């Protein structure tokens, strides 16, 4: 699976589930989860680039889990709170 495809899947999932998304710090990490090859797309709940320093807000790291075999985004995780399965 191409990186751009994984990012697009994660972005669509974020919009559907209203998790938030940051274009400024997106990275991809291949992992194995429950015996399956997956990609984790790292982002954040808000994009702070271009904001005035008085307008900064806190953001939370956000991970999207994508099954490379099926091409489906099957969940997300805020910080280290554990996987939240998507529907």
C-alpha atoms as a PDB file:
ATOM      1  CA  UNK A   1       0.000   0.000   0.000  1.00  0.00           C
ATOM      2  CA  UNK A   2       1.347   3.410  -0.962  1.00  0.00           C
ATOM      3  CA  UNK A   3       1.939   5.985   1.767  1.00  0.00           C
ATOM      4  CA  UNK A   4      -0.362   8.507   0.084  1.00  0.00           C
ATOM      5  CA  UNK A   5      -3.181   5.935   0.009  1.00  0.00           C
ATOM      6  CA  UNK A   6      -2.713   5.221   3.727  1.00  0.00           C
ATOM      7  CA  UNK A   7      -2.759   8.941   4.530  1.00  0.00           C
ATOM      8  CA  UNK A   8      -5.925   9.434   2.472  1.00  0.00           C
ATOM      9  CA  UNK A   9      -7.642   6.527   4.259  1.00  0.00           C
ATOM     10  CA  UNK A  10      -6.678   7.941   7.652  1.00  0.00           C
ATOM     11  CA  UNK A  11      -7.807  11.452   6.681  1.00  0.00           C
ATOM     12  CA  UNK A  12     -11.198  10.133   5.492  1.00  0.00           C
ATOM     13  CA  UNK A  13     -11.570   8.114   8.694  1.00  0.00           C
ATOM     14  CA  UNK A  14     -10.721  11.205  10.780  1.00  0.00           C
ATOM     15  CA  UNK A  15     -13.393  13.217   9.000  1.00  0.00           C
ATOM     16  CA  UNK A  16     -15.999  10.468   9.364  1.00  0.00           C
ATOM     17  CA  UNK A  17     -15.314   9.965  13.080  1.00  0.00           C
ATOM     18  CA  UNK A  18     -14.544  13.641  13.823  1.00  0.00           C
ATOM     19  CA  UNK A  19     -11.267  12.849  15.532  1.00  0.00           C
ATOM     20  CA  UNK A  20      -9.355  15.877  14.289  1.00  0.00           C
ATOM     21  CA  UNK A  21      -6.433  15.895  11.854  1.00  0.00           C
ATOM     22  CA  UNK A  22      -3.156  17.726  11.354  1.00  0.00           C
ATOM     23  CA  UNK A  23      -1.534  17.912   7.931  1.00  0.00           C
ATOM     24  CA  UNK A  24       1.654  19.420   9.334  1.00  0.00           C
ATOM     25  CA  UNK A  25       3.029  16.337  11.101  1.00  0.00           C
ATOM     26  CA  UNK A  26       1.888  13.163   9.366  1.00  0.00           C
ATOM     27  CA  UNK A  27       4.140  10.131   9.430  1.00  0.00           C
ATOM     28  CA  UNK A  28       3.696   6.424   8.796  1.00  0.00           C
ATOM     29  CA  UNK A  29       4.994   3.464  10.760  1.00  0.00           C
ATOM     30  CA  UNK A  30       4.684  -0.183   9.655  1.00  0.00           C
ATOM     31  CA  UNK A  31       3.785  -2.550  12.513  1.00  0.00           C
ATOM     32  CA  UNK A  32       2.491  -6.055  13.115  1.00  0.00           C
ATOM     33  CA  UNK A  33      -0.720  -6.270  15.138  1.00  0.00           C
ATOM     34  CA  UNK A  34      -2.343  -9.576  16.050  1.00  0.00           C
ATOM     35  CA  UNK A  35      -0.318 -11.314  13.354  1.00  0.00           C
ATOM     36  CA  UNK A  36      -1.300  -8.893  10.583  1.00  0.00           C
ATOM     37  CA  UNK A  37       0.795  -6.301   8.811  1.00  0.00           C
ATOM     38  CA  UNK A  38      -0.560  -2.822   9.464  1.00  0.00           C
ATOM     39  CA  UNK A  39       0.356   0.777   8.969  1.00  0.00           C
ATOM     40  CA  UNK A  40      -0.002   3.355  11.700  1.00  0.00           C
ATOM     41  CA  UNK A  41      -0.583   6.883  10.447  1.00  0.00           C
ATOM     42  CA  UNK A  42       0.495   9.388  13.101  1.00  0.00           C
ATOM     43  CA  UNK A  43      -1.140  12.811  13.238  1.00  0.00           C
ATOM     44  CA  UNK A  44      -2.631  15.120  15.882  1.00  0.00           C
ATOM     45  CA  UNK A  45      -6.071  16.394  16.808  1.00  0.00           C
ATOM     46  CA  UNK A  46      -5.383  19.921  15.495  1.00  0.00           C
ATOM     47  CA  UNK A  47      -3.002  21.716  13.151  1.00  0.00           C
ATOM     48  CA  UNK A  48      -1.211  24.583  14.887  1.00  0.00           C
ATOM     49  CA  UNK A  49       0.778  25.867  11.891  1.00  0.00           C
ATOM     50  CA  UNK A  50      -0.003  29.437  10.927  1.00  0.00           C
ATOM     51  CA  UNK A  51      -1.826  30.269  14.159  1.00  0.00           C
ATOM     52  CA  UNK A  52      -0.945  33.253  16.268  1.00  0.00           C
ATOM     53  CA  UNK A  53       0.782  32.235  19.507  1.00  0.00           C
ATOM     54  CA  UNK A  54      -2.186  33.553  21.504  1.00  0.00           C
ATOM     55  CA  UNK A  55      -4.461  31.205  19.583  1.00  0.00           C
ATOM     56  CA  UNK A  56      -2.555  28.026  20.394  1.00  0.00           C
ATOM     57  CA  UNK A  57      -4.459  25.201  21.947  1.00  0.00           C
ATOM     58  CA  UNK A  58      -3.259  21.877  23.170  1.00  0.00           C
ATOM     59  CA  UNK A  59      -3.324  18.955  20.799  1.00  0.00           C
ATOM     60  CA  UNK A  60      -3.288  15.244  21.391  1.00  0.00           C
ATOM     61  CA  UNK A  61      -1.234  12.736  19.394  1.00  0.00           C
ATOM     62  CA  UNK A  62      -3.483  10.635  17.222  1.00  0.00           C
ATOM     63  CA  UNK A  63      -2.839   7.285  15.521  1.00  0.00           C
ATOM     64  CA  UNK A  64      -4.891   5.615  12.795  1.00  0.00           C
ATOM     65  CA  UNK A  65      -4.520   1.861  12.234  1.00  0.00           C
ATOM     66  CA  UNK A  66      -4.762   0.524   8.682  1.00  0.00           C
ATOM     67  CA  UNK A  67      -4.834  -3.142   7.680  1.00  0.00           C
ATOM     68  CA  UNK A  68      -2.586  -3.385   4.628  1.00  0.00           C
ATOM     69  CA  UNK A  69      -4.315  -6.563   3.376  1.00  0.00           C
ATOM     70  CA  UNK A  70      -7.856  -5.196   3.331  1.00  0.00           C
ATOM     71  CA  UNK A  71      -6.989  -1.521   2.907  1.00  0.00           C
ATOM     72  CA  UNK A  72      -9.364  -0.599   5.733  1.00  0.00           C
ATOM     73  CA  UNK A  73      -8.773   1.800   8.581  1.00  0.00           C
ATOM     74  CA  UNK A  74      -9.953  -0.274  11.552  1.00  0.00           C
ATOM     75  CA  UNK A  75      -9.449   2.109  14.448  1.00  0.00           C
ATOM     76  CA  UNK A  76      -7.742   5.049  16.066  1.00  0.00           C
ATOM     77  CA  UNK A  77      -6.011   5.917  19.323  1.00  0.00           C
ATOM     78  CA  UNK A  78      -5.750   9.220  21.211  1.00  0.00           C
ATOM     79  CA  UNK A  79      -2.391   9.523  22.971  1.00  0.00           C
ATOM     80  CA  UNK A  80      -1.853   6.163  24.678  1.00  0.00           C
ATOM     81  CA  UNK A  81      -5.486   5.522  25.669  1.00  0.00           C
ATOM     82  CA  UNK A  82      -5.847   2.324  23.668  1.00  0.00           C
ATOM     83  CA  UNK A  83      -7.362   1.405  20.331  1.00  0.00           C
ATOM     84  CA  UNK A  84     -10.879   2.608  19.608  1.00  0.00           C
ATOM     85  CA  UNK A  85     -12.383   0.379  16.939  1.00  0.00           C
ATOM     86  CA  UNK A  86     -14.065   2.125  14.020  1.00  0.00           C
ATOM     87  CA  UNK A  87     -17.445   1.220  12.653  1.00  0.00           C
END
